[in-house]
Amino acid sequence: MAIIKLLLWLLFFVSSFLMIVVILLQEPKGGGLAEAFGGMGAQTFGVKSGGINKFTFTLFAVFLGSAVLITILRWQ
């Protein structure tokens, strides 16, 4: 059980760090950290970036799921 809790905490922190980075890189109207990568940032993280939005939602689901499971396991 201790290994499962450790893996959940690790998943929680990794997903939270990745979510912070991905959200900071997204800027729908240009500017922000996406501009630091030149023209590539506007194409990858701009308005027409459907894939990055799906990835962000997946990270959110992993983050939320791990938080709920950690809470459930702490009550036991």
PDB file of N, CA and C in Angstrom:
ATOM      1  N   MET A   1       0.827  -1.204   0.000  1.00  0.00           N
ATOM      2  CA  MET A   1       0.000   0.000   0.000  1.00  0.00           C
ATOM      3  C   MET A   1       0.864   1.257   0.000  1.00  0.00           C
ATOM      4  N   ALA A   2       2.017   1.180   0.649  1.00  0.00           N
ATOM      5  CA  ALA A   2       2.905   2.344   0.704  1.00  0.00           C
ATOM      6  C   ALA A   2       3.444   2.688  -0.678  1.00  0.00           C
ATOM      7  N   ILE A   3       3.676   1.674  -1.507  1.00  0.00           N
ATOM      8  CA  ILE A   3       4.193   1.927  -2.856  1.00  0.00           C
ATOM      9  C   ILE A   3       3.130   2.612  -3.706  1.00  0.00           C
ATOM     10  N   ILE A   4       1.874   2.207  -3.538  1.00  0.00           N
ATOM     11  CA  ILE A   4       0.780   2.836  -4.293  1.00  0.00           C
ATOM     12  C   ILE A   4       0.645   4.304  -3.899  1.00  0.00           C
ATOM     13  N   LYS A   5       0.727   4.579  -2.604  1.00  0.00           N
ATOM     14  CA  LYS A   5       0.642   5.975  -2.151  1.00  0.00           C
ATOM     15  C   LYS A   5       1.807   6.793  -2.691  1.00  0.00           C
ATOM     16  N   LEU A   6       3.002   6.216  -2.690  1.00  0.00           N
ATOM     17  CA  LEU A   6       4.163   6.926  -3.212  1.00  0.00           C
ATOM     18  C   LEU A   6       4.002   7.207  -4.701  1.00  0.00           C
ATOM     19  N   LEU A   7       3.523   6.227  -5.464  1.00  0.00           N
ATOM     20  CA  LEU A   7       3.310   6.439  -6.891  1.00  0.00           C
ATOM     21  C   LEU A   7       2.230   7.481  -7.162  1.00  0.00           C
ATOM     22  N   LEU A   8       1.175   7.481  -6.342  1.00  0.00           N
ATOM     23  CA  LEU A   8       0.130   8.500  -6.506  1.00  0.00           C
ATOM     24  C   LEU A   8       0.658   9.896  -6.223  1.00  0.00           C
ATOM     25  N   TRP A   9       1.466  10.040  -5.165  1.00  0.00           N
ATOM     26  CA  TRP A   9       2.048  11.345  -4.863  1.00  0.00           C
ATOM     27  C   TRP A   9       2.993  11.800  -5.977  1.00  0.00           C
ATOM     28  N   LEU A  10       3.763  10.851  -6.500  1.00  0.00           N
ATOM     29  CA  LEU A  10       4.670  11.189  -7.594  1.00  0.00           C
ATOM     30  C   LEU A  10       3.892  11.617  -8.828  1.00  0.00           C
ATOM     31  N   LEU A  11       2.840  10.883  -9.163  1.00  0.00           N
ATOM     32  CA  LEU A  11       1.979  11.238 -10.287  1.00  0.00           C
ATOM     33  C   LEU A  11       1.327  12.604 -10.075  1.00  0.00           C
ATOM     34  N   PHE A  12       0.914  12.880  -8.843  1.00  0.00           N
ATOM     35  CA  PHE A  12       0.290  14.153  -8.498  1.00  0.00           C
ATOM     36  C   PHE A  12       1.249  15.324  -8.737  1.00  0.00           C
ATOM     37  N   PHE A  13       2.484  15.194  -8.242  1.00  0.00           N
ATOM     38  CA  PHE A  13       3.434  16.301  -8.379  1.00  0.00           C
ATOM     39  C   PHE A  13       3.927  16.470  -9.809  1.00  0.00           C
ATOM     40  N   VAL A  14       4.143  15.373 -10.515  1.00  0.00           N
ATOM     41  CA  VAL A  14       4.583  15.485 -11.907  1.00  0.00           C
ATOM     42  C   VAL A  14       3.488  16.105 -12.761  1.00  0.00           C
ATOM     43  N   SER A  15       2.243  15.660 -12.566  1.00  0.00           N
ATOM     44  CA  SER A  15       1.152  16.227 -13.367  1.00  0.00           C
ATOM     45  C   SER A  15       0.921  17.698 -13.027  1.00  0.00           C
ATOM     46  N   SER A  16       1.079  18.064 -11.762  1.00  0.00           N
ATOM     47  CA  SER A  16       0.893  19.479 -11.412  1.00  0.00           C
ATOM     48  C   SER A  16       1.986  20.344 -12.024  1.00  0.00           C
ATOM     49  N   PHE A  17       3.230  19.864 -12.008  1.00  0.00           N
ATOM     50  CA  PHE A  17       4.317  20.632 -12.611  1.00  0.00           C
ATOM     51  C   PHE A  17       4.114  20.769 -14.120  1.00  0.00           C
ATOM     52  N   LEU A  18       3.765  19.661 -14.790  1.00  0.00           N
ATOM     53  CA  LEU A  18       3.533  19.716 -16.234  1.00  0.00           C
ATOM     54  C   LEU A  18       2.349  20.608 -16.581  1.00  0.00           C
ATOM     55  N   MET A  19       1.314  20.583 -15.754  1.00  0.00           N
ATOM     56  CA  MET A  19       0.151  21.423 -16.023  1.00  0.00           C
ATOM     57  C   MET A  19       0.516  22.904 -15.892  1.00  0.00           C
ATOM     58  N   ILE A  20       1.324  23.250 -14.919  1.00  0.00           N
ATOM     59  CA  ILE A  20       1.766  24.635 -14.765  1.00  0.00           C
ATOM     60  C   ILE A  20       2.540  25.081 -15.998  1.00  0.00           C
ATOM     61  N   VAL A  21       3.466  24.245 -16.452  1.00  0.00           N
ATOM     62  CA  VAL A  21       4.283  24.597 -17.620  1.00  0.00           C
ATOM     63  C   VAL A  21       3.423  24.734 -18.868  1.00  0.00           C
ATOM     64  N   VAL A  22       2.525  23.787 -19.100  1.00  0.00           N
ATOM     65  CA  VAL A  22       1.692  23.817 -20.305  1.00  0.00           C
ATOM     66  C   VAL A  22       0.757  25.020 -20.292  1.00  0.00           C
ATOM     67  N   ILE A  23       0.189  25.327 -19.146  1.00  0.00           N
ATOM     68  CA  ILE A  23      -0.724  26.480 -19.066  1.00  0.00           C
ATOM     69  C   ILE A  23       0.029  27.787 -19.273  1.00  0.00           C
ATOM     70  N   LEU A  24       1.241  27.886 -18.737  1.00  0.00           N
ATOM     71  CA  LEU A  24       2.022  29.105 -18.941  1.00  0.00           C
ATOM     72  C   LEU A  24       2.434  29.280 -20.397  1.00  0.00           C
ATOM     73  N   LEU A  25       2.633  28.189 -21.108  1.00  0.00           N
ATOM     74  CA  LEU A  25       3.029  28.294 -22.511  1.00  0.00           C
ATOM     75  C   LEU A  25       1.863  28.646 -23.421  1.00  0.00           C
ATOM     76  N   GLN A  26       0.651  28.382 -22.983  1.00  0.00           N
ATOM     77  CA  GLN A  26      -0.514  28.686 -23.816  1.00  0.00           C
ATOM     78  C   GLN A  26      -0.869  30.158 -23.685  1.00  0.00           C
ATOM     79  N   GLU A  27      -1.044  30.763 -24.820  1.00  0.00           N
ATOM     80  CA  GLU A  27      -1.511  32.146 -24.844  1.00  0.00           C
ATOM     81  C   GLU A  27      -2.299  32.309 -26.130  1.00  0.00           C
ATOM     82  N   PRO A  28      -3.611  32.382 -26.071  1.00  0.00           N
ATOM     83  CA  PRO A  28      -4.414  32.329 -27.281  1.00  0.00           C
ATOM     84  C   PRO A  28      -4.210  33.484 -28.253  1.00  0.00           C
ATOM     85  N   LYS A  29      -3.787  34.637 -27.810  1.00  0.00           N
ATOM     86  CA  LYS A  29      -3.656  35.778 -28.704  1.00  0.00           C
ATOM     87  C   LYS A  29      -2.203  36.182 -28.919  1.00  0.00           C
ATOM     88  N   GLY A  30      -1.269  35.287 -28.647  1.00  0.00           N
ATOM     89  CA  GLY A  30       0.143  35.622 -28.795  1.00  0.00           C
ATOM     90  C   GLY A  30       0.646  36.315 -27.540  1.00  0.00           C
ATOM     91  N   GLY A  31       1.921  36.400 -27.420  1.00  0.00           N
ATOM     92  CA  GLY A  31       2.507  37.006 -26.241  1.00  0.00           C
ATOM     93  C   GLY A  31       2.770  35.960 -25.190  1.00  0.00           C
ATOM     94  N   GLY A  32       3.135  36.391 -24.015  1.00  0.00           N
ATOM     95  CA  GLY A  32       3.409  35.459 -22.931  1.00  0.00           C
ATOM     96  C   GLY A  32       4.687  34.672 -23.185  1.00  0.00           C
ATOM     97  N   LEU A  33       4.789  33.518 -22.577  1.00  0.00           N
ATOM     98  CA  LEU A  33       5.977  32.700 -22.755  1.00  0.00           C
ATOM     99  C   LEU A  33       6.031  32.042 -24.123  1.00  0.00           C
ATOM    100  N   ALA A  34       4.915  31.939 -24.798  1.00  0.00           N
ATOM    101  CA  ALA A  34       4.909  31.343 -26.134  1.00  0.00           C
ATOM    102  C   ALA A  34       5.758  32.176 -27.103  1.00  0.00           C
ATOM    103  N   GLU A  35       5.851  33.467 -26.900  1.00  0.00           N
ATOM    104  CA  GLU A  35       6.653  34.334 -27.756  1.00  0.00           C
ATOM    105  C   GLU A  35       8.139  34.125 -27.551  1.00  0.00           C
ATOM    106  N   ALA A  36       8.531  33.542 -26.448  1.00  0.00           N
ATOM    107  CA  ALA A  36       9.945  33.309 -26.194  1.00  0.00           C
ATOM    108  C   ALA A  36      10.529  32.309 -27.181  1.00  0.00           C
ATOM    109  N   PHE A  37       9.695  31.496 -27.805  1.00  0.00           N
ATOM    110  CA  PHE A  37      10.157  30.504 -28.760  1.00  0.00           C
ATOM    111  C   PHE A  37      10.028  30.982 -30.201  1.00  0.00           C
ATOM    112  N   GLY A  38       9.797  32.258 -30.406  1.00  0.00           N
ATOM    113  CA  GLY A  38       9.713  32.819 -31.739  1.00  0.00           C
ATOM    114  C   GLY A  38       8.391  32.498 -32.413  1.00  0.00           C
ATOM    115  N   GLY A  39       8.407  32.378 -33.739  1.00  0.00           N
ATOM    116  CA  GLY A  39       7.191  32.100 -34.491  1.00  0.00           C
ATOM    117  C   GLY A  39       6.616  30.724 -34.198  1.00  0.00           C
ATOM    118  N   MET A  40       7.476  29.805 -33.743  1.00  0.00           N
ATOM    119  CA  MET A  40       7.012  28.460 -33.435  1.00  0.00           C
ATOM    120  C   MET A  40       5.971  28.477 -32.330  1.00  0.00           C
ATOM    121  N   GLY A  41       6.092  29.380 -31.386  1.00  0.00           N
ATOM    122  CA  GLY A  41       5.156  29.427 -30.274  1.00  0.00           C
ATOM    123  C   GLY A  41       3.742  29.741 -30.691  1.00  0.00           C
ATOM    124  N   ALA A  42       3.572  30.622 -31.647  1.00  0.00           N
ATOM    125  CA  ALA A  42       2.227  30.992 -32.093  1.00  0.00           C
ATOM    126  C   ALA A  42       1.546  29.831 -32.808  1.00  0.00           C
ATOM    127  N   GLN A  43       2.311  29.026 -33.548  1.00  0.00           N
ATOM    128  CA  GLN A  43       1.713  27.899 -34.253  1.00  0.00           C
ATOM    129  C   GLN A  43       1.416  26.746 -33.309  1.00  0.00           C
ATOM    130  N   THR A  44       2.305  26.496 -32.375  1.00  0.00           N
ATOM    131  CA  THR A  44       2.144  25.351 -31.487  1.00  0.00           C
ATOM    132  C   THR A  44       1.150  25.632 -30.373  1.00  0.00           C
ATOM    133  N   PHE A  45       1.203  26.796 -29.790  1.00  0.00           N
ATOM    134  CA  PHE A  45       0.381  27.111 -28.631  1.00  0.00           C
ATOM    135  C   PHE A  45      -0.652  28.190 -28.910  1.00  0.00           C
ATOM    136  N   GLY A  46      -0.892  28.500 -30.173  1.00  0.00           N
ATOM    137  CA  GLY A  46      -1.795  29.592 -30.519  1.00  0.00           C
ATOM    138  C   GLY A  46      -3.253  29.182 -30.551  1.00  0.00           C
ATOM    139  N   VAL A  47      -4.024  29.932 -31.309  1.00  0.00           N
ATOM    140  CA  VAL A  47      -5.469  29.766 -31.355  1.00  0.00           C
ATOM    141  C   VAL A  47      -5.862  28.426 -31.977  1.00  0.00           C
ATOM    142  N   LYS A  48      -5.140  27.973 -32.985  1.00  0.00           N
ATOM    143  CA  LYS A  48      -5.492  26.750 -33.695  1.00  0.00           C
ATOM    144  C   LYS A  48      -4.843  25.511 -33.084  1.00  0.00           C
ATOM    145  N   SER A  49      -4.545  25.524 -31.825  1.00  0.00           N
ATOM    146  CA  SER A  49      -3.833  24.415 -31.181  1.00  0.00           C
ATOM    147  C   SER A  49      -4.820  23.509 -30.460  1.00  0.00           C
ATOM    148  N   GLY A  50      -5.439  22.589 -31.188  1.00  0.00           N
ATOM    149  CA  GLY A  50      -6.391  21.660 -30.587  1.00  0.00           C
ATOM    150  C   GLY A  50      -5.715  20.590 -29.764  1.00  0.00           C
ATOM    151  N   GLY A  51      -4.542  20.139 -30.211  1.00  0.00           N
ATOM    152  CA  GLY A  51      -3.838  19.073 -29.511  1.00  0.00           C
ATOM    153  C   GLY A  51      -3.366  19.476 -28.129  1.00  0.00           C
ATOM    154  N   ILE A  52      -2.882  20.689 -27.996  1.00  0.00           N
ATOM    155  CA  ILE A  52      -2.371  21.135 -26.696  1.00  0.00           C
ATOM    156  C   ILE A  52      -3.517  21.295 -25.703  1.00  0.00           C
ATOM    157  N   ASN A  53      -4.715  21.637 -26.192  1.00  0.00           N
ATOM    158  CA  ASN A  53      -5.859  21.756 -25.296  1.00  0.00           C
ATOM    159  C   ASN A  53      -6.295  20.384 -24.790  1.00  0.00           C
ATOM    160  N   LYS A  54      -6.243  19.381 -25.656  1.00  0.00           N
ATOM    161  CA  LYS A  54      -6.565  18.014 -25.232  1.00  0.00           C
ATOM    162  C   LYS A  54      -5.538  17.508 -24.231  1.00  0.00           C
ATOM    163  N   PHE A  55      -4.267  17.829 -24.479  1.00  0.00           N
ATOM    164  CA  PHE A  55      -3.203  17.419 -23.554  1.00  0.00           C
ATOM    165  C   PHE A  55      -3.388  18.089 -22.192  1.00  0.00           C
ATOM    166  N   THR A  56      -3.767  19.360 -22.190  1.00  0.00           N
ATOM    167  CA  THR A  56      -4.008  20.071 -20.937  1.00  0.00           C
ATOM    168  C   THR A  56      -5.167  19.444 -20.176  1.00  0.00           C
ATOM    169  N   PHE A  57      -6.242  19.095 -20.887  1.00  0.00           N
ATOM    170  CA  PHE A  57      -7.377  18.462 -20.227  1.00  0.00           C
ATOM    171  C   PHE A  57      -6.998  17.085 -19.674  1.00  0.00           C
ATOM    172  N   THR A  58      -6.189  16.335 -20.418  1.00  0.00           N
ATOM    173  CA  THR A  58      -5.733  15.028 -19.933  1.00  0.00           C
ATOM    174  C   THR A  58      -4.884  15.189 -18.677  1.00  0.00           C
ATOM    175  N   LEU A  59      -4.001  16.180 -18.668  1.00  0.00           N
ATOM    176  CA  LEU A  59      -3.204  16.449 -17.468  1.00  0.00           C
ATOM    177  C   LEU A  59      -4.090  16.823 -16.292  1.00  0.00           C
ATOM    178  N   PHE A  60      -5.125  17.613 -16.565  1.00  0.00           N
ATOM    179  CA  PHE A  60      -6.053  17.994 -15.501  1.00  0.00           C
ATOM    180  C   PHE A  60      -6.762  16.767 -14.946  1.00  0.00           C
ATOM    181  N   ALA A  61      -7.176  15.849 -15.831  1.00  0.00           N
ATOM    182  CA  ALA A  61      -7.866  14.639 -15.383  1.00  0.00           C
ATOM    183  C   ALA A  61      -6.944  13.765 -14.533  1.00  0.00           C
ATOM    184  N   VAL A  62      -5.690  13.640 -14.931  1.00  0.00           N
ATOM    185  CA  VAL A  62      -4.723  12.861 -14.149  1.00  0.00           C
ATOM    186  C   VAL A  62      -4.489  13.531 -12.799  1.00  0.00           C
ATOM    187  N   PHE A  63      -4.349  14.853 -12.807  1.00  0.00           N
ATOM    188  CA  PHE A  63      -4.139  15.607 -11.574  1.00  0.00           C
ATOM    189  C   PHE A  63      -5.324  15.437 -10.619  1.00  0.00           C
ATOM    190  N   LEU A  64      -6.534  15.605 -11.139  1.00  0.00           N
ATOM    191  CA  LEU A  64      -7.728  15.496 -10.312  1.00  0.00           C
ATOM    192  C   LEU A  64      -7.922  14.065  -9.808  1.00  0.00           C
ATOM    193  N   GLY A  65      -7.727  13.095 -10.690  1.00  0.00           N
ATOM    194  CA  GLY A  65      -7.872  11.696 -10.289  1.00  0.00           C
ATOM    195  C   GLY A  65      -6.887  11.291  -9.217  1.00  0.00           C
ATOM    196  N   SER A  66      -5.639  11.713  -9.359  1.00  0.00           N
ATOM    197  CA  SER A  66      -4.642  11.370  -8.342  1.00  0.00           C
ATOM    198  C   SER A  66      -4.951  12.075  -7.018  1.00  0.00           C
ATOM    199  N   ALA A  67      -5.445  13.311  -7.079  1.00  0.00           N
ATOM    200  CA  ALA A  67      -5.805  14.017  -5.842  1.00  0.00           C
ATOM    201  C   ALA A  67      -6.950  13.317  -5.117  1.00  0.00           C
ATOM    202  N   VAL A  68      -7.945  12.868  -5.877  1.00  0.00           N
ATOM    203  CA  VAL A  68      -9.083  12.164  -5.268  1.00  0.00           C
ATOM    204  C   VAL A  68      -8.630  10.840  -4.667  1.00  0.00           C
ATOM    205  N   LEU A  69      -7.802  10.090  -5.403  1.00  0.00           N
ATOM    206  CA  LEU A  69      -7.324   8.806  -4.885  1.00  0.00           C
ATOM    207  C   LEU A  69      -6.445   8.968  -3.651  1.00  0.00           C
ATOM    208  N   ILE A  70      -5.615  10.008  -3.622  1.00  0.00           N
ATOM    209  CA  ILE A  70      -4.792  10.268  -2.440  1.00  0.00           C
ATOM    210  C   ILE A  70      -5.689  10.559  -1.236  1.00  0.00           C
ATOM    211  N   THR A  71      -6.721  11.350  -1.455  1.00  0.00           N
ATOM    212  CA  THR A  71      -7.651  11.674  -0.373  1.00  0.00           C
ATOM    213  C   THR A  71      -8.372  10.439   0.125  1.00  0.00           C
ATOM    214  N   ILE A  72      -8.835   9.592  -0.789  1.00  0.00           N
ATOM    215  CA  ILE A  72      -9.531   8.367  -0.399  1.00  0.00           C
ATOM    216  C   ILE A  72      -8.603   7.446   0.392  1.00  0.00           C
ATOM    217  N   LEU A  73      -7.367   7.319  -0.061  1.00  0.00           N
ATOM    218  CA  LEU A  73      -6.428   6.446   0.632  1.00  0.00           C
ATOM    219  C   LEU A  73      -6.013   6.977   1.999  1.00  0.00           C
ATOM    220  N   ARG A  74      -6.048   8.282   2.168  1.00  0.00           N
ATOM    221  CA  ARG A  74      -5.699   8.853   3.483  1.00  0.00           C
ATOM    222  C   ARG A  74      -6.794   8.605   4.507  1.00  0.00           C
ATOM    223  N   TRP A  75      -8.038   8.446   4.064  1.00  0.00           N
ATOM    224  CA  TRP A  75      -9.145   8.195   4.988  1.00  0.00           C
ATOM    225  C   TRP A  75      -9.161   6.763   5.493  1.00  0.00           C
ATOM    226  N   GLN A  76      -8.453   5.874   4.807  1.00  0.00           N
ATOM    227  CA  GLN A  76      -8.474   4.464   5.205  1.00  0.00           C
ATOM    228  C   GLN A  76      -7.424   4.162   6.230  1.00  0.00           C
TER     229      GLN A  76
END
